[in-house]
Amino acid sequence: RIYAAEVLPELEREPGFDSGRLMVEEDGRMAVSLTLWKTREDCVKYHCSRSYRQFVARTQHLLIGDFVVKLFKDCSNA
């Protein structure tokens, strides 16, 4: 609910944001937020931003453990 109502609308205002999805494991123990960015620099800039820190602060209480950010290259057109 937080992702759809608050996080996605904020992400859509971020420069370079392309799309985002929230995926939750069937047993509900793990969640993955996948965001696609136009450039690597746009992605890194967002993850260093105040908006990202606010997202973490708003959702940290829902988690056991920490957020992990990983960068991947899209090889679907390779």
PDB file of N, CA and C in Angstrom:
ATOM      1  N   ARG A   1       0.824  -1.199   0.000  1.00  0.00           N
ATOM      2  CA  ARG A   1       0.000   0.000   0.000  1.00  0.00           C
ATOM      3  C   ARG A   1       0.872   1.268   0.000  1.00  0.00           C
ATOM      4  N   ILE A   2       1.886   1.281   0.858  1.00  0.00           N
ATOM      5  CA  ILE A   2       2.784   2.441   0.920  1.00  0.00           C
ATOM      6  C   ILE A   2       3.483   2.630  -0.424  1.00  0.00           C
ATOM      7  N   TYR A   3       3.899   1.536  -1.046  1.00  0.00           N
ATOM      8  CA  TYR A   3       4.621   1.609  -2.316  1.00  0.00           C
ATOM      9  C   TYR A   3       3.753   2.257  -3.393  1.00  0.00           C
ATOM     10  N   ALA A   4       2.521   1.780  -3.544  1.00  0.00           N
ATOM     11  CA  ALA A   4       1.641   2.295  -4.598  1.00  0.00           C
ATOM     12  C   ALA A   4       1.171   3.717  -4.318  1.00  0.00           C
ATOM     13  N   ALA A   5       0.868   4.003  -3.072  1.00  0.00           N
ATOM     14  CA  ALA A   5       0.278   5.301  -2.729  1.00  0.00           C
ATOM     15  C   ALA A   5       1.309   6.409  -2.570  1.00  0.00           C
ATOM     16  N   GLU A   6       2.500   6.062  -2.099  1.00  0.00           N
ATOM     17  CA  GLU A   6       3.474   7.104  -1.786  1.00  0.00           C
ATOM     18  C   GLU A   6       4.780   7.000  -2.563  1.00  0.00           C
ATOM     19  N   VAL A   7       5.332   5.802  -2.622  1.00  0.00           N
ATOM     20  CA  VAL A   7       6.661   5.653  -3.214  1.00  0.00           C
ATOM     21  C   VAL A   7       6.634   5.853  -4.730  1.00  0.00           C
ATOM     22  N   LEU A   8       5.761   5.145  -5.436  1.00  0.00           N
ATOM     23  CA  LEU A   8       5.719   5.284  -6.902  1.00  0.00           C
ATOM     24  C   LEU A   8       5.435   6.706  -7.366  1.00  0.00           C
ATOM     25  N   PRO A   9       4.446   7.402  -6.781  1.00  0.00           N
ATOM     26  CA  PRO A   9       4.236   8.789  -7.225  1.00  0.00           C
ATOM     27  C   PRO A   9       5.471   9.673  -7.025  1.00  0.00           C
ATOM     28  N   GLU A  10       6.211   9.455  -5.946  1.00  0.00           N
ATOM     29  CA  GLU A  10       7.435  10.220  -5.729  1.00  0.00           C
ATOM     30  C   GLU A  10       8.513   9.831  -6.727  1.00  0.00           C
ATOM     31  N   LEU A  11       8.634   8.534  -6.990  1.00  0.00           N
ATOM     32  CA  LEU A  11       9.628   8.085  -7.973  1.00  0.00           C
ATOM     33  C   LEU A  11       9.347   8.670  -9.353  1.00  0.00           C
ATOM     34  N   GLU A  12       8.085   8.765  -9.717  1.00  0.00           N
ATOM     35  CA  GLU A  12       7.720   9.281 -11.037  1.00  0.00           C
ATOM     36  C   GLU A  12       8.139  10.740 -11.224  1.00  0.00           C
ATOM     37  N   ARG A  13       8.402  11.443 -10.139  1.00  0.00           N
ATOM     38  CA  ARG A  13       8.874  12.826 -10.220  1.00  0.00           C
ATOM     39  C   ARG A  13      10.399  12.918 -10.260  1.00  0.00           C
ATOM     40  N   GLU A  14      11.069  11.792 -10.065  1.00  0.00           N
ATOM     41  CA  GLU A  14      12.540  11.791 -10.057  1.00  0.00           C
ATOM     42  C   GLU A  14      13.088  11.807 -11.483  1.00  0.00           C
ATOM     43  N   PRO A  15      14.077  12.666 -11.733  1.00  0.00           N
ATOM     44  CA  PRO A  15      14.695  12.695 -13.070  1.00  0.00           C
ATOM     45  C   PRO A  15      15.298  11.342 -13.425  1.00  0.00           C
ATOM     46  N   GLY A  16      14.974  10.854 -14.608  1.00  0.00           N
ATOM     47  CA  GLY A  16      15.545   9.616 -15.108  1.00  0.00           C
ATOM     48  C   GLY A  16      14.811   8.357 -14.714  1.00  0.00           C
ATOM     49  N   PHE A  17      13.778   8.469 -13.871  1.00  0.00           N
ATOM     50  CA  PHE A  17      13.028   7.277 -13.477  1.00  0.00           C
ATOM     51  C   PHE A  17      12.239   6.758 -14.662  1.00  0.00           C
ATOM     52  N   ASP A  18      12.272   5.447 -14.880  1.00  0.00           N
ATOM     53  CA  ASP A  18      11.549   4.834 -15.992  1.00  0.00           C
ATOM     54  C   ASP A  18      10.340   4.046 -15.500  1.00  0.00           C
ATOM     55  N   SER A  19      10.547   3.107 -14.558  1.00  0.00           N
ATOM     56  CA  SER A  19       9.421   2.334 -14.029  1.00  0.00           C
ATOM     57  C   SER A  19       9.831   1.646 -12.730  1.00  0.00           C
ATOM     58  N   GLY A  20       8.835   1.172 -12.012  1.00  0.00           N
ATOM     59  CA  GLY A  20       9.111   0.489 -10.763  1.00  0.00           C
ATOM     60  C   GLY A  20       8.072  -0.572 -10.472  1.00  0.00           C
ATOM     61  N   ARG A  21       8.506  -1.609  -9.781  1.00  0.00           N
ATOM     62  CA  ARG A  21       7.601  -2.702  -9.389  1.00  0.00           C
ATOM     63  C   ARG A  21       8.001  -3.179  -8.010  1.00  0.00           C
ATOM     64  N   LEU A  22       6.996  -3.583  -7.251  1.00  0.00           N
ATOM     65  CA  LEU A  22       7.237  -4.211  -5.963  1.00  0.00           C
ATOM     66  C   LEU A  22       6.832  -5.663  -6.080  1.00  0.00           C
ATOM     67  N   MET A  23       7.745  -6.560  -5.726  1.00  0.00           N
ATOM     68  CA  MET A  23       7.471  -7.992  -5.779  1.00  0.00           C
ATOM     69  C   MET A  23       7.674  -8.554  -4.383  1.00  0.00           C
ATOM     70  N   VAL A  24       6.705  -9.362  -3.941  1.00  0.00           N
ATOM     71  CA  VAL A  24       6.765  -9.962  -2.613  1.00  0.00           C
ATOM     72  C   VAL A  24       6.783 -11.474  -2.772  1.00  0.00           C
ATOM     73  N   GLU A  25       7.697 -12.101  -2.066  1.00  0.00           N
ATOM     74  CA  GLU A  25       7.805 -13.552  -2.088  1.00  0.00           C
ATOM     75  C   GLU A  25       6.479 -14.170  -1.639  1.00  0.00           C
ATOM     76  N   GLU A  26       6.147 -15.328  -2.158  1.00  0.00           N
ATOM     77  CA  GLU A  26       4.849 -15.951  -1.884  1.00  0.00           C
ATOM     78  C   GLU A  26       4.550 -16.078  -0.397  1.00  0.00           C
ATOM     79  N   ASP A  27       5.552 -16.394   0.416  1.00  0.00           N
ATOM     80  CA  ASP A  27       5.285 -16.508   1.848  1.00  0.00           C
ATOM     81  C   ASP A  27       5.363 -15.162   2.565  1.00  0.00           C
ATOM     82  N   GLY A  28       5.644 -14.103   1.812  1.00  0.00           N
ATOM     83  CA  GLY A  28       5.650 -12.755   2.372  1.00  0.00           C
ATOM     84  C   GLY A  28       6.878 -12.406   3.178  1.00  0.00           C
ATOM     85  N   ARG A  29       7.908 -13.216   3.116  1.00  0.00           N
ATOM     86  CA  ARG A  29       9.097 -12.977   3.938  1.00  0.00           C
ATOM     87  C   ARG A  29      10.110 -12.036   3.283  1.00  0.00           C
ATOM     88  N   MET A  30      10.059 -11.932   1.970  1.00  0.00           N
ATOM     89  CA  MET A  30      11.026 -11.088   1.280  1.00  0.00           C
ATOM     90  C   MET A  30      10.309 -10.246   0.234  1.00  0.00           C
ATOM     91  N   ALA A  31      10.771  -9.016   0.091  1.00  0.00           N
ATOM     92  CA  ALA A  31      10.219  -8.126  -0.926  1.00  0.00           C
ATOM     93  C   ALA A  31      11.376  -7.530  -1.726  1.00  0.00           C
ATOM     94  N   VAL A  32      11.106  -7.293  -3.014  1.00  0.00           N
ATOM     95  CA  VAL A  32      12.079  -6.676  -3.899  1.00  0.00           C
ATOM     96  C   VAL A  32      11.391  -5.514  -4.606  1.00  0.00           C
ATOM     97  N   SER A  33      12.012  -4.364  -4.520  1.00  0.00           N
ATOM     98  CA  SER A  33      11.554  -3.215  -5.282  1.00  0.00           C
ATOM     99  C   SER A  33      12.504  -3.066  -6.458  1.00  0.00           C
ATOM    100  N   LEU A  34      11.990  -3.256  -7.653  1.00  0.00           N
ATOM    101  CA  LEU A  34      12.791  -3.147  -8.869  1.00  0.00           C
ATOM    102  C   LEU A  34      12.476  -1.814  -9.526  1.00  0.00           C
ATOM    103  N   THR A  35      13.490  -0.974  -9.664  1.00  0.00           N
ATOM    104  CA  THR A  35      13.298   0.297 -10.357  1.00  0.00           C
ATOM    105  C   THR A  35      14.200   0.332 -11.573  1.00  0.00           C
ATOM    106  N   LEU A  36      13.678   0.845 -12.660  1.00  0.00           N
ATOM    107  CA  LEU A  36      14.441   0.999 -13.895  1.00  0.00           C
ATOM    108  C   LEU A  36      14.674   2.487 -14.123  1.00  0.00           C
ATOM    109  N   TRP A  37      15.900   2.811 -14.497  1.00  0.00           N
ATOM    110  CA  TRP A  37      16.322   4.206 -14.678  1.00  0.00           C
ATOM    111  C   TRP A  37      16.889   4.378 -16.072  1.00  0.00           C
ATOM    112  N   LYS A  38      16.797   5.583 -16.596  1.00  0.00           N
ATOM    113  CA  LYS A  38      17.298   5.870 -17.939  1.00  0.00           C
ATOM    114  C   LYS A  38      18.825   5.745 -17.994  1.00  0.00           C
ATOM    115  N   THR A  39      19.507   6.172 -16.917  1.00  0.00           N
ATOM    116  CA  THR A  39      20.963   6.055 -16.868  1.00  0.00           C
ATOM    117  C   THR A  39      21.396   5.560 -15.487  1.00  0.00           C
ATOM    118  N   ARG A  40      22.587   5.025 -15.430  1.00  0.00           N
ATOM    119  CA  ARG A  40      23.158   4.602 -14.152  1.00  0.00           C
ATOM    120  C   ARG A  40      23.286   5.804 -13.219  1.00  0.00           C
ATOM    121  N   GLU A  41      23.673   6.943 -13.767  1.00  0.00           N
ATOM    122  CA  GLU A  41      23.857   8.152 -12.974  1.00  0.00           C
ATOM    123  C   GLU A  41      22.547   8.594 -12.315  1.00  0.00           C
ATOM    124  N   ASP A  42      21.428   8.488 -13.055  1.00  0.00           N
ATOM    125  CA  ASP A  42      20.124   8.827 -12.479  1.00  0.00           C
ATOM    126  C   ASP A  42      19.813   7.921 -11.296  1.00  0.00           C
ATOM    127  N   CYS A  43      20.110   6.642 -11.436  1.00  0.00           N
ATOM    128  CA  CYS A  43      19.868   5.666 -10.381  1.00  0.00           C
ATOM    129  C   CYS A  43      20.700   5.989  -9.138  1.00  0.00           C
ATOM    130  N   VAL A  44      21.984   6.204  -9.334  1.00  0.00           N
ATOM    131  CA  VAL A  44      22.878   6.488  -8.215  1.00  0.00           C
ATOM    132  C   VAL A  44      22.470   7.797  -7.534  1.00  0.00           C
ATOM    133  N   LYS A  45      22.122   8.794  -8.319  1.00  0.00           N
ATOM    134  CA  LYS A  45      21.711  10.083  -7.753  1.00  0.00           C
ATOM    135  C   LYS A  45      20.485   9.907  -6.856  1.00  0.00           C
ATOM    136  N   TYR A  46      19.518   9.113  -7.310  1.00  0.00           N
ATOM    137  CA  TYR A  46      18.325   8.876  -6.486  1.00  0.00           C
ATOM    138  C   TYR A  46      18.699   8.163  -5.189  1.00  0.00           C
ATOM    139  N   HIS A  47      19.537   7.150  -5.254  1.00  0.00           N
ATOM    140  CA  HIS A  47      19.878   6.383  -4.055  1.00  0.00           C
ATOM    141  C   HIS A  47      20.759   7.158  -3.081  1.00  0.00           C
ATOM    142  N   CYS A  48      21.231   8.318  -3.484  1.00  0.00           N
ATOM    143  CA  CYS A  48      21.964   9.216  -2.581  1.00  0.00           C
ATOM    144  C   CYS A  48      21.076  10.381  -2.136  1.00  0.00           C
ATOM    145  N   SER A  49      19.819  10.368  -2.522  1.00  0.00           N
ATOM    146  CA  SER A  49      18.944  11.531  -2.319  1.00  0.00           C
ATOM    147  C   SER A  49      18.159  11.484  -1.011  1.00  0.00           C
ATOM    148  N   ARG A  50      17.617  12.619  -0.685  1.00  0.00           N
ATOM    149  CA  ARG A  50      16.734  12.747   0.475  1.00  0.00           C
ATOM    150  C   ARG A  50      15.472  11.905   0.283  1.00  0.00           C
ATOM    151  N   SER A  51      14.945  11.865  -0.931  1.00  0.00           N
ATOM    152  CA  SER A  51      13.743  11.079  -1.224  1.00  0.00           C
ATOM    153  C   SER A  51      13.951   9.607  -0.887  1.00  0.00           C
ATOM    154  N   TYR A  52      15.117   9.076  -1.258  1.00  0.00           N
ATOM    155  CA  TYR A  52      15.396   7.674  -0.965  1.00  0.00           C
ATOM    156  C   TYR A  52      15.512   7.453   0.540  1.00  0.00           C
ATOM    157  N   ARG A  53      16.180   8.342   1.240  1.00  0.00           N
ATOM    158  CA  ARG A  53      16.303   8.209   2.696  1.00  0.00           C
ATOM    159  C   ARG A  53      14.934   8.267   3.368  1.00  0.00           C
ATOM    160  N   GLN A  54      14.033   9.086   2.842  1.00  0.00           N
ATOM    161  CA  GLN A  54      12.676   9.155   3.389  1.00  0.00           C
ATOM    162  C   GLN A  54      11.912   7.858   3.129  1.00  0.00           C
ATOM    163  N   PHE A  55      12.096   7.261   1.944  1.00  0.00           N
ATOM    164  CA  PHE A  55      11.475   5.974   1.633  1.00  0.00           C
ATOM    165  C   PHE A  55      11.935   4.917   2.632  1.00  0.00           C
ATOM    166  N   VAL A  56      13.229   4.860   2.878  1.00  0.00           N
ATOM    167  CA  VAL A  56      13.775   3.888   3.832  1.00  0.00           C
ATOM    168  C   VAL A  56      13.180   4.137   5.216  1.00  0.00           C
ATOM    169  N   ALA A  57      13.123   5.369   5.637  1.00  0.00           N
ATOM    170  CA  ALA A  57      12.598   5.695   6.967  1.00  0.00           C
ATOM    171  C   ALA A  57      11.127   5.294   7.095  1.00  0.00           C
ATOM    172  N   ARG A  58      10.339   5.504   6.035  1.00  0.00           N
ATOM    173  CA  ARG A  58       8.904   5.179   6.086  1.00  0.00           C
ATOM    174  C   ARG A  58       8.622   3.688   6.091  1.00  0.00           C
ATOM    175  N   THR A  59       9.531   2.897   5.561  1.00  0.00           N
ATOM    176  CA  THR A  59       9.255   1.469   5.414  1.00  0.00           C
ATOM    177  C   THR A  59      10.138   0.576   6.286  1.00  0.00           C
ATOM    178  N   GLN A  60      11.111   1.126   6.964  1.00  0.00           N
ATOM    179  CA  GLN A  60      12.044   0.327   7.768  1.00  0.00           C
ATOM    180  C   GLN A  60      11.311  -0.517   8.807  1.00  0.00           C
ATOM    181  N   HIS A  61      10.230   0.003   9.375  1.00  0.00           N
ATOM    182  CA  HIS A  61       9.499  -0.728  10.417  1.00  0.00           C
ATOM    183  C   HIS A  61       8.838  -2.003   9.884  1.00  0.00           C
ATOM    184  N   LEU A  62       8.717  -2.118   8.578  1.00  0.00           N
ATOM    185  CA  LEU A  62       8.106  -3.298   7.980  1.00  0.00           C
ATOM    186  C   LEU A  62       9.101  -4.438   7.782  1.00  0.00           C
ATOM    187  N   LEU A  63      10.371  -4.163   8.006  1.00  0.00           N
ATOM    188  CA  LEU A  63      11.414  -5.115   7.648  1.00  0.00           C
ATOM    189  C   LEU A  63      12.145  -5.682   8.853  1.00  0.00           C
ATOM    190  N   ILE A  64      12.643  -6.872   8.662  1.00  0.00           N
ATOM    191  CA  ILE A  64      13.627  -7.456   9.566  1.00  0.00           C
ATOM    192  C   ILE A  64      14.914  -7.464   8.757  1.00  0.00           C
ATOM    193  N   GLY A  65      15.880  -6.717   9.173  1.00  0.00           N
ATOM    194  CA  GLY A  65      17.119  -6.606   8.410  1.00  0.00           C
ATOM    195  C   GLY A  65      17.218  -5.247   7.753  1.00  0.00           C
ATOM    196  N   ASP A  66      18.120  -5.140   6.811  1.00  0.00           N
ATOM    197  CA  ASP A  66      18.417  -3.872   6.169  1.00  0.00           C
ATOM    198  C   ASP A  66      18.050  -3.885   4.694  1.00  0.00           C
ATOM    199  N   PHE A  67      17.928  -2.679   4.145  1.00  0.00           N
ATOM    200  CA  PHE A  67      17.774  -2.528   2.711  1.00  0.00           C
ATOM    201  C   PHE A  67      19.106  -2.847   2.056  1.00  0.00           C
ATOM    202  N   VAL A  68      19.067  -3.460   0.896  1.00  0.00           N
ATOM    203  CA  VAL A  68      20.262  -3.711   0.107  1.00  0.00           C
ATOM    204  C   VAL A  68      19.997  -3.151  -1.283  1.00  0.00           C
ATOM    205  N   VAL A  69      20.906  -2.333  -1.768  1.00  0.00           N
ATOM    206  CA  VAL A  69      20.782  -1.754  -3.100  1.00  0.00           C
ATOM    207  C   VAL A  69      21.826  -2.408  -3.988  1.00  0.00           C
ATOM    208  N   LYS A  70      21.376  -2.920  -5.138  1.00  0.00           N
ATOM    209  CA  LYS A  70      22.281  -3.526  -6.114  1.00  0.00           C
ATOM    210  C   LYS A  70      21.975  -2.928  -7.477  1.00  0.00           C
ATOM    211  N   LEU A  71      23.003  -2.698  -8.241  1.00  0.00           N
ATOM    212  CA  LEU A  71      22.853  -2.167  -9.589  1.00  0.00           C
ATOM    213  C   LEU A  71      23.092  -3.282 -10.595  1.00  0.00           C
ATOM    214  N   PHE A  72      22.215  -3.366 -11.591  1.00  0.00           N
ATOM    215  CA  PHE A  72      22.303  -4.378 -12.641  1.00  0.00           C
ATOM    216  C   PHE A  72      22.246  -3.688 -14.002  1.00  0.00           C
ATOM    217  N   LYS A  73      22.861  -4.296 -14.995  1.00  0.00           N
ATOM    218  CA  LYS A  73      22.750  -3.830 -16.378  1.00  0.00           C
ATOM    219  C   LYS A  73      21.638  -4.621 -17.050  1.00  0.00           C
ATOM    220  N   ASP A  74      20.872  -3.950 -17.901  1.00  0.00           N
ATOM    221  CA  ASP A  74      19.831  -4.606 -18.688  1.00  0.00           C
ATOM    222  C   ASP A  74      20.494  -5.210 -19.920  1.00  0.00           C
ATOM    223  N   CYS A  75      20.507  -6.522 -19.997  1.00  0.00           N
ATOM    224  CA  CYS A  75      21.152  -7.215 -21.117  1.00  0.00           C
ATOM    225  C   CYS A  75      20.122  -7.809 -22.070  1.00  0.00           C
ATOM    226  N   SER A  76      18.878  -7.423 -21.948  1.00  0.00           N
ATOM    227  CA  SER A  76      17.818  -8.021 -22.773  1.00  0.00           C
ATOM    228  C   SER A  76      17.960  -7.661 -24.251  1.00  0.00           C
ATOM    229  N   ASN A  77      18.645  -6.561 -24.547  1.00  0.00           N
ATOM    230  CA  ASN A  77      18.815  -6.152 -25.938  1.00  0.00           C
ATOM    231  C   ASN A  77      20.239  -6.428 -26.431  1.00  0.00           C
ATOM    232  N   ALA A  78      20.981  -7.218 -25.677  1.00  0.00           N
ATOM    233  CA  ALA A  78      22.390  -7.484 -26.041  1.00  0.00           C
ATOM    234  C   ALA A  78      22.502  -8.506 -27.150  1.00  0.00           C
TER     235      ALA A  78
END
